[in-house]
């Protein structure tokens, strides 16, 4: 019974930390974009929703892999923060490598092709980064 309670406690702590990490990630990601993520999603901008969802999914992938290999909650938080920074860096690099158009402008205009491309890049990078951090 003690082991069950300890495992249940760990799951509870993990869920709280995941919500904190995702909240911080969403805040940081929304500050990085030049448009209001929440407003665009409320307006029904599918590209904005896909892009924000992809960033959060990528962060979840990193957190899952990091939590699997971490021996403490602090270590998991540190590596998750590094994951947030890496995903932000991916966005900045992608924006720099596509000088013919600005990513934020395309997402704000609802360009699903750009959002789909970014989703694939973010999820792929998250898997790679997650395995590096394991």
Protein backbone atom coordinates (compact mmCIF):
# COMPACT_ATOMS: atom_id res chain seq x y z
CA UNK A 1 0.00 0.00 0.00
CA UNK A 2 2.89 2.37 0.76
CA UNK A 3 4.32 1.83 -2.72
CA UNK A 4 0.93 2.63 -4.28
CA UNK A 5 0.65 5.87 -2.30
CA UNK A 6 4.19 6.84 -3.20
CA UNK A 7 3.50 6.16 -6.90
CA UNK A 8 0.23 8.09 -6.74
CA UNK A 9 2.05 10.99 -5.10
CA UNK A 10 4.71 10.95 -7.81
CA UNK A 11 2.03 11.00 -10.51
CA UNK A 12 0.33 13.93 -8.80
CA UNK A 13 3.59 15.86 -8.50
CA UNK A 14 4.42 15.05 -12.11
CA UNK A 15 1.05 16.33 -13.34
CA UNK A 16 1.40 19.57 -11.39
CA UNK A 17 4.91 20.08 -12.74
CA UNK A 18 3.73 19.30 -16.27
CA UNK A 19 0.99 21.92 -15.98
CA UNK A 20 3.50 24.46 -14.67
CA UNK A 21 5.95 23.66 -17.47
CA UNK A 22 3.24 23.87 -20.15
CA UNK A 23 1.95 27.15 -18.71
CA UNK A 24 5.43 28.66 -18.69
CA UNK A 25 6.05 27.27 -22.18
CA UNK A 26 2.80 28.73 -23.53
CA UNK A 27 3.64 32.10 -21.95
CA UNK A 28 7.16 32.14 -23.40
CA UNK A 29 5.99 30.93 -26.81
CA UNK A 30 3.25 33.58 -26.94
CA UNK A 31 5.79 36.33 -26.13
CA UNK A 32 7.97 35.12 -28.99
CA UNK A 33 5.27 35.57 -31.62
CA UNK A 34 4.39 39.00 -32.96
CA UNK A 35 0.67 38.35 -32.82
CA UNK A 36 -1.66 37.47 -29.95
CA UNK A 37 -1.88 33.67 -29.91
CA UNK A 38 -4.99 33.52 -27.76
CA UNK A 39 -6.83 36.08 -29.83
CA UNK A 40 -5.96 34.37 -33.12
CA UNK A 41 -7.07 30.99 -31.77
CA UNK A 42 -10.33 32.50 -30.44
CA UNK A 43 -10.95 33.97 -33.92
CA UNK A 44 -10.67 30.46 -35.35
CA UNK A 45 -7.24 30.82 -36.94
CA UNK A 46 -6.42 27.16 -37.50
CA UNK A 47 -2.79 27.91 -38.35
CA UNK A 48 -2.28 29.67 -35.00
CA UNK A 49 -3.95 26.81 -33.15
CA UNK A 50 -1.91 24.20 -34.98
CA UNK A 51 1.31 26.08 -34.33
CA UNK A 52 0.65 26.63 -30.59
CA UNK A 53 -0.52 23.04 -30.21
CA UNK A 54 2.63 21.82 -31.92
CA UNK A 55 4.86 23.80 -29.59
CA UNK A 56 3.05 22.41 -26.54
CA UNK A 57 3.09 18.87 -27.95
CA UNK A 58 6.81 19.21 -28.63
CA UNK A 59 7.34 20.38 -25.07
CA UNK A 60 5.32 17.40 -23.77
CA UNK A 61 7.55 15.06 -25.78
CA UNK A 62 10.65 16.61 -24.25
CA UNK A 63 9.18 16.53 -20.72
CA UNK A 64 8.14 12.88 -21.15
CA UNK A 65 11.60 11.81 -22.23
CA UNK A 66 13.33 13.92 -19.61
CA UNK A 67 11.08 12.69 -16.80
CA UNK A 68 11.76 9.10 -17.83
CA UNK A 69 15.48 9.55 -17.37
CA UNK A 70 15.60 12.12 -14.53
CA UNK A 71 16.25 11.08 -10.98
CA UNK A 72 14.77 14.24 -9.45
CA UNK A 73 12.02 16.76 -10.05
CA UNK A 74 14.57 19.57 -10.12
CA UNK A 75 16.52 17.89 -12.90
CA UNK A 76 13.30 17.46 -14.85
CA UNK A 77 12.45 21.14 -14.44
CA UNK A 78 15.91 22.25 -15.54
CA UNK A 79 15.91 20.09 -18.66
CA UNK A 80 12.33 21.12 -19.45
CA UNK A 81 13.40 24.78 -19.30
CA UNK A 82 16.20 23.92 -21.70
CA UNK A 83 13.58 22.26 -23.93
CA UNK A 84 11.52 25.47 -23.96
CA UNK A 85 14.63 27.44 -24.92
CA UNK A 86 15.47 24.97 -27.69
CA UNK A 87 11.96 25.15 -29.18
CA UNK A 88 12.16 28.95 -29.13
CA UNK A 89 15.53 28.74 -30.86
CA UNK A 90 14.06 26.44 -33.52
CA UNK A 91 11.40 29.06 -34.27
CA UNK A 92 13.99 31.86 -34.50
CA UNK A 93 16.28 29.83 -36.76
CA UNK A 94 13.38 28.79 -39.01
CA UNK A 95 12.28 32.42 -39.28
CA UNK A 96 15.82 33.46 -40.22
CA UNK A 97 16.16 30.68 -42.80
CA UNK A 98 12.97 31.72 -44.59
CA UNK A 99 13.72 35.32 -45.60
CA UNK A 100 11.04 35.40 -48.31
CA UNK A 101 8.29 35.36 -45.70
CA UNK A 102 7.94 35.98 -41.99
CA UNK A 103 6.58 33.04 -40.06
CA UNK A 104 4.46 35.16 -37.70
CA UNK A 105 2.82 36.99 -40.58
CA UNK A 106 2.01 33.73 -42.35
CA UNK A 107 0.54 32.13 -39.23
CA UNK A 108 -1.46 35.28 -38.46
CA UNK A 109 -2.85 35.17 -42.01
CA UNK A 110 -3.90 31.56 -41.43
CA UNK A 111 -1.37 29.88 -43.73
CA UNK A 112 -1.88 26.21 -42.86
CA UNK A 113 1.00 25.09 -45.07
CA UNK A 114 3.48 27.05 -42.94
CA UNK A 115 1.83 25.82 -39.74
CA UNK A 116 2.02 22.21 -40.97
CA UNK A 117 5.68 22.59 -41.88
CA UNK A 118 6.45 24.11 -38.48
CA UNK A 119 4.50 21.35 -36.74
CA UNK A 120 6.61 18.68 -38.41
CA UNK A 121 9.85 20.48 -37.61
CA UNK A 122 8.89 21.10 -33.97
CA UNK A 123 7.78 17.52 -33.32
CA UNK A 124 10.84 16.09 -35.05
CA UNK A 125 13.22 18.37 -33.19
CA UNK A 126 11.46 17.58 -29.90
CA UNK A 127 11.96 13.87 -30.39
CA UNK A 128 15.63 14.36 -31.23
CA UNK A 129 16.21 16.77 -28.33
CA UNK A 130 14.32 14.48 -25.95
CA UNK A 131 16.57 11.58 -26.85
CA UNK A 132 19.66 13.74 -26.39
CA UNK A 133 18.46 14.70 -22.91
CA UNK A 134 17.69 11.12 -21.84
